[in-house]
Amino acid sequence: MIALHWTSFVYLALLLGALASMALVDRRARLVLWSARPGRGAAVLAVGALVFLAWDLVAIAEGFYSRGGAAMTGVELAPHLPLEELFFVLFFCWFTLLLHGLLRRALARRRTTREAR
């Protein structure tokens, strides 16, 4: 049995807080999961997360990754694949999708402004 201290949940709590913040941004700006096509956003997010998790599994099999530090829960989804990695991958993919949506919106606004001149 692993003795867990509150510090074992710091990284996971920070990741969940970041995901919650991105959900608020996404809801406000309606870019991915709150867009006109939320199913498409969810599919792209899921595919991206699966690709990066597969990448992680290959890297683990090749010996590139080792276990995390004391700020992690110790819960593993697979050997050497911590629970926190799933939430990090979701964070990474969602952040990328939000950034892409914001950049597309800014470029479209800039194009509209130029055409109006």
C-alpha atoms as a PDB file:
ATOM      1  CA  MET A   1       0.000   0.000   0.000  1.00  0.00           C
ATOM      2  CA  ILE A   2       1.316   3.432  -0.939  1.00  0.00           C
ATOM      3  CA  ALA A   3       1.126   6.092   1.759  1.00  0.00           C
ATOM      4  CA  LEU A   4      -0.157   9.254   0.097  1.00  0.00           C
ATOM      5  CA  HIS A   5       0.462  12.744   1.370  1.00  0.00           C
ATOM      6  CA  TRP A   6      -1.441  15.810   0.170  1.00  0.00           C
ATOM      7  CA  THR A   7       1.594  16.756  -1.933  1.00  0.00           C
ATOM      8  CA  SER A   8       0.964  13.612  -3.980  1.00  0.00           C
ATOM      9  CA  PHE A   9      -1.988  15.399  -5.578  1.00  0.00           C
ATOM     10  CA  VAL A  10      -0.398  18.782  -6.346  1.00  0.00           C
ATOM     11  CA  TYR A  11       0.370  18.141 -10.016  1.00  0.00           C
ATOM     12  CA  LEU A  12      -3.003  16.500 -10.677  1.00  0.00           C
ATOM     13  CA  ALA A  13      -4.826  19.372  -8.949  1.00  0.00           C
ATOM     14  CA  LEU A  14      -2.922  21.931 -11.032  1.00  0.00           C
ATOM     15  CA  LEU A  15      -3.736  20.065 -14.241  1.00  0.00           C
ATOM     16  CA  LEU A  16      -7.424  19.862 -13.320  1.00  0.00           C
ATOM     17  CA  GLY A  17      -7.423  23.585 -12.505  1.00  0.00           C
ATOM     18  CA  ALA A  18      -5.835  24.371 -15.860  1.00  0.00           C
ATOM     19  CA  LEU A  19      -8.406  22.194 -17.644  1.00  0.00           C
ATOM     20  CA  ALA A  20     -11.246  23.931 -15.805  1.00  0.00           C
ATOM     21  CA  SER A  21      -9.822  27.317 -16.810  1.00  0.00           C
ATOM     22  CA  MET A  22      -9.607  26.243 -20.428  1.00  0.00           C
ATOM     23  CA  ALA A  23     -13.198  25.029 -20.283  1.00  0.00           C
ATOM     24  CA  LEU A  24     -14.234  28.523 -19.177  1.00  0.00           C
ATOM     25  CA  VAL A  25     -12.242  30.134 -21.996  1.00  0.00           C
ATOM     26  CA  ASP A  26     -13.674  27.663 -24.495  1.00  0.00           C
ATOM     27  CA  ARG A  27     -17.225  28.260 -23.294  1.00  0.00           C
ATOM     28  CA  ARG A  28     -16.782  32.042 -23.427  1.00  0.00           C
ATOM     29  CA  ALA A  29     -15.129  32.088 -26.868  1.00  0.00           C
ATOM     30  CA  ARG A  30     -17.016  29.061 -28.280  1.00  0.00           C
ATOM     31  CA  LEU A  31     -13.954  27.626 -30.013  1.00  0.00           C
ATOM     32  CA  VAL A  32     -13.867  23.841 -29.534  1.00  0.00           C
ATOM     33  CA  LEU A  33     -16.336  22.019 -27.291  1.00  0.00           C
ATOM     34  CA  TRP A  34     -18.814  24.922 -27.186  1.00  0.00           C
ATOM     35  CA  SER A  35     -18.480  25.770 -30.872  1.00  0.00           C
ATOM     36  CA  ALA A  36     -21.139  25.367 -33.542  1.00  0.00           C
ATOM     37  CA  ARG A  37     -19.815  21.807 -34.054  1.00  0.00           C
ATOM     38  CA  PRO A  38     -18.907  20.447 -30.597  1.00  0.00           C
ATOM     39  CA  GLY A  39     -18.830  16.837 -31.815  1.00  0.00           C
ATOM     40  CA  ARG A  40     -16.091  17.694 -34.255  1.00  0.00           C
ATOM     41  CA  GLY A  41     -14.093  19.431 -31.525  1.00  0.00           C
ATOM     42  CA  ALA A  42     -14.515  16.482 -29.164  1.00  0.00           C
ATOM     43  CA  ALA A  43     -13.434  14.049 -31.904  1.00  0.00           C
ATOM     44  CA  VAL A  44     -10.308  16.054 -32.713  1.00  0.00           C
ATOM     45  CA  LEU A  45      -9.496  16.350 -29.008  1.00  0.00           C
ATOM     46  CA  ALA A  46      -9.962  12.584 -28.496  1.00  0.00           C
ATOM     47  CA  VAL A  47      -7.878  11.627 -31.545  1.00  0.00           C
ATOM     48  CA  GLY A  48      -5.097  13.993 -30.498  1.00  0.00           C
ATOM     49  CA  ALA A  49      -5.072  12.609 -26.961  1.00  0.00           C
ATOM     50  CA  LEU A  50      -4.998   9.013 -28.237  1.00  0.00           C
ATOM     51  CA  VAL A  51      -2.100   9.793 -30.580  1.00  0.00           C
ATOM     52  CA  PHE A  52      -0.063  11.340 -27.774  1.00  0.00           C
ATOM     53  CA  LEU A  53      -0.903   8.504 -25.358  1.00  0.00           C
ATOM     54  CA  ALA A  54       0.228   5.993 -28.012  1.00  0.00           C
ATOM     55  CA  TRP A  55       3.389   8.048 -28.423  1.00  0.00           C
ATOM     56  CA  ASP A  56       3.917   7.864 -24.656  1.00  0.00           C
ATOM     57  CA  LEU A  57       3.455   4.088 -24.648  1.00  0.00           C
ATOM     58  CA  VAL A  58       6.058   3.697 -27.404  1.00  0.00           C
ATOM     59  CA  ALA A  59       8.464   5.978 -25.517  1.00  0.00           C
ATOM     60  CA  ILE A  60       7.907   3.964 -22.323  1.00  0.00           C
ATOM     61  CA  ALA A  61       8.536   0.699 -24.167  1.00  0.00           C
ATOM     62  CA  GLU A  62      11.779   2.147 -25.545  1.00  0.00           C
ATOM     63  CA  GLY A  63      12.886   3.243 -22.081  1.00  0.00           C
ATOM     64  CA  PHE A  64      12.730   7.016 -22.586  1.00  0.00           C
ATOM     65  CA  TYR A  65      10.416   7.755 -19.641  1.00  0.00           C
ATOM     66  CA  SER A  66      10.787   7.125 -15.949  1.00  0.00           C
ATOM     67  CA  ARG A  67       8.392   7.636 -13.043  1.00  0.00           C
ATOM     68  CA  GLY A  68       7.516  11.127 -11.887  1.00  0.00           C
ATOM     69  CA  GLY A  69       8.305  12.801  -8.602  1.00  0.00           C
ATOM     70  CA  ALA A  70       6.675  13.172  -5.203  1.00  0.00           C
ATOM     71  CA  ALA A  71       3.990  15.556  -6.509  1.00  0.00           C
ATOM     72  CA  MET A  72       2.281  12.687  -8.350  1.00  0.00           C
ATOM     73  CA  THR A  73      -0.390  10.307  -7.050  1.00  0.00           C
ATOM     74  CA  GLY A  74       1.385   7.091  -7.997  1.00  0.00           C
ATOM     75  CA  VAL A  75      -1.721   5.841  -9.851  1.00  0.00           C
ATOM     76  CA  GLU A  76      -0.754   4.269 -13.164  1.00  0.00           C
ATOM     77  CA  LEU A  77      -2.984   3.707 -16.202  1.00  0.00           C
ATOM     78  CA  ALA A  78      -0.391   1.281 -17.572  1.00  0.00           C
ATOM     79  CA  PRO A  79       3.114   0.411 -16.375  1.00  0.00           C
ATOM     80  CA  HIS A  80       5.036   3.702 -16.095  1.00  0.00           C
ATOM     81  CA  LEU A  81       2.085   5.709 -17.498  1.00  0.00           C
ATOM     82  CA  PRO A  82       0.833   7.894 -14.632  1.00  0.00           C
ATOM     83  CA  LEU A  83      -2.740   9.118 -14.330  1.00  0.00           C
ATOM     84  CA  GLU A  84      -1.463  12.675 -14.560  1.00  0.00           C
ATOM     85  CA  GLU A  85      -0.181  12.033 -18.090  1.00  0.00           C
ATOM     86  CA  LEU A  86      -3.738  11.548 -19.358  1.00  0.00           C
ATOM     87  CA  PHE A  87      -4.755  14.951 -18.002  1.00  0.00           C
ATOM     88  CA  PHE A  88      -1.560  16.580 -19.300  1.00  0.00           C
ATOM     89  CA  VAL A  89      -2.207  15.195 -22.787  1.00  0.00           C
ATOM     90  CA  LEU A  90      -5.794  16.489 -22.670  1.00  0.00           C
ATOM     91  CA  PHE A  91      -4.497  19.868 -21.514  1.00  0.00           C
ATOM     92  CA  PHE A  92      -1.891  19.970 -24.282  1.00  0.00           C
ATOM     93  CA  CYS A  93      -4.357  19.019 -27.028  1.00  0.00           C
ATOM     94  CA  TRP A  94      -7.151  21.315 -25.826  1.00  0.00           C
ATOM     95  CA  PHE A  95      -4.750  24.238 -25.423  1.00  0.00           C
ATOM     96  CA  THR A  96      -3.523  23.688 -28.987  1.00  0.00           C
ATOM     97  CA  LEU A  97      -7.093  23.597 -30.310  1.00  0.00           C
ATOM     98  CA  LEU A  98      -8.010  26.770 -28.411  1.00  0.00           C
ATOM     99  CA  LEU A  99      -4.921  28.548 -29.692  1.00  0.00           C
ATOM    100  CA  HIS A 100      -5.688  27.418 -33.243  1.00  0.00           C
ATOM    101  CA  GLY A 101      -9.266  28.691 -32.944  1.00  0.00           C
ATOM    102  CA  LEU A 102      -8.148  32.029 -31.539  1.00  0.00           C
ATOM    103  CA  LEU A 103      -5.572  32.495 -34.300  1.00  0.00           C
ATOM    104  CA  ARG A 104      -8.109  31.604 -37.011  1.00  0.00           C
ATOM    105  CA  ARG A 105     -10.571  34.070 -35.531  1.00  0.00           C
ATOM    106  CA  ALA A 106      -7.925  36.827 -35.336  1.00  0.00           C
ATOM    107  CA  LEU A 107      -6.827  36.234 -38.942  1.00  0.00           C
ATOM    108  CA  ALA A 108     -10.442  36.235 -40.159  1.00  0.00           C
ATOM    109  CA  ARG A 109     -11.095  39.499 -38.305  1.00  0.00           C
ATOM    110  CA  ARG A 110      -7.950  41.014 -39.792  1.00  0.00           C
ATOM    111  CA  ARG A 111      -8.972  39.899 -43.292  1.00  0.00           C
ATOM    112  CA  THR A 112     -12.465  41.367 -42.833  1.00  0.00           C
ATOM    113  CA  THR A 113     -10.977  44.659 -41.652  1.00  0.00           C
ATOM    114  CA  ARG A 114      -8.697  44.845 -44.686  1.00  0.00           C
ATOM    115  CA  GLU A 115     -11.549  44.089 -47.103  1.00  0.00           C
ATOM    116  CA  ALA A 116     -13.684  46.811 -45.526  1.00  0.00           C
ATOM    117  CA  ARG A 117     -11.073  49.462 -46.334  1.00  0.00           C
END
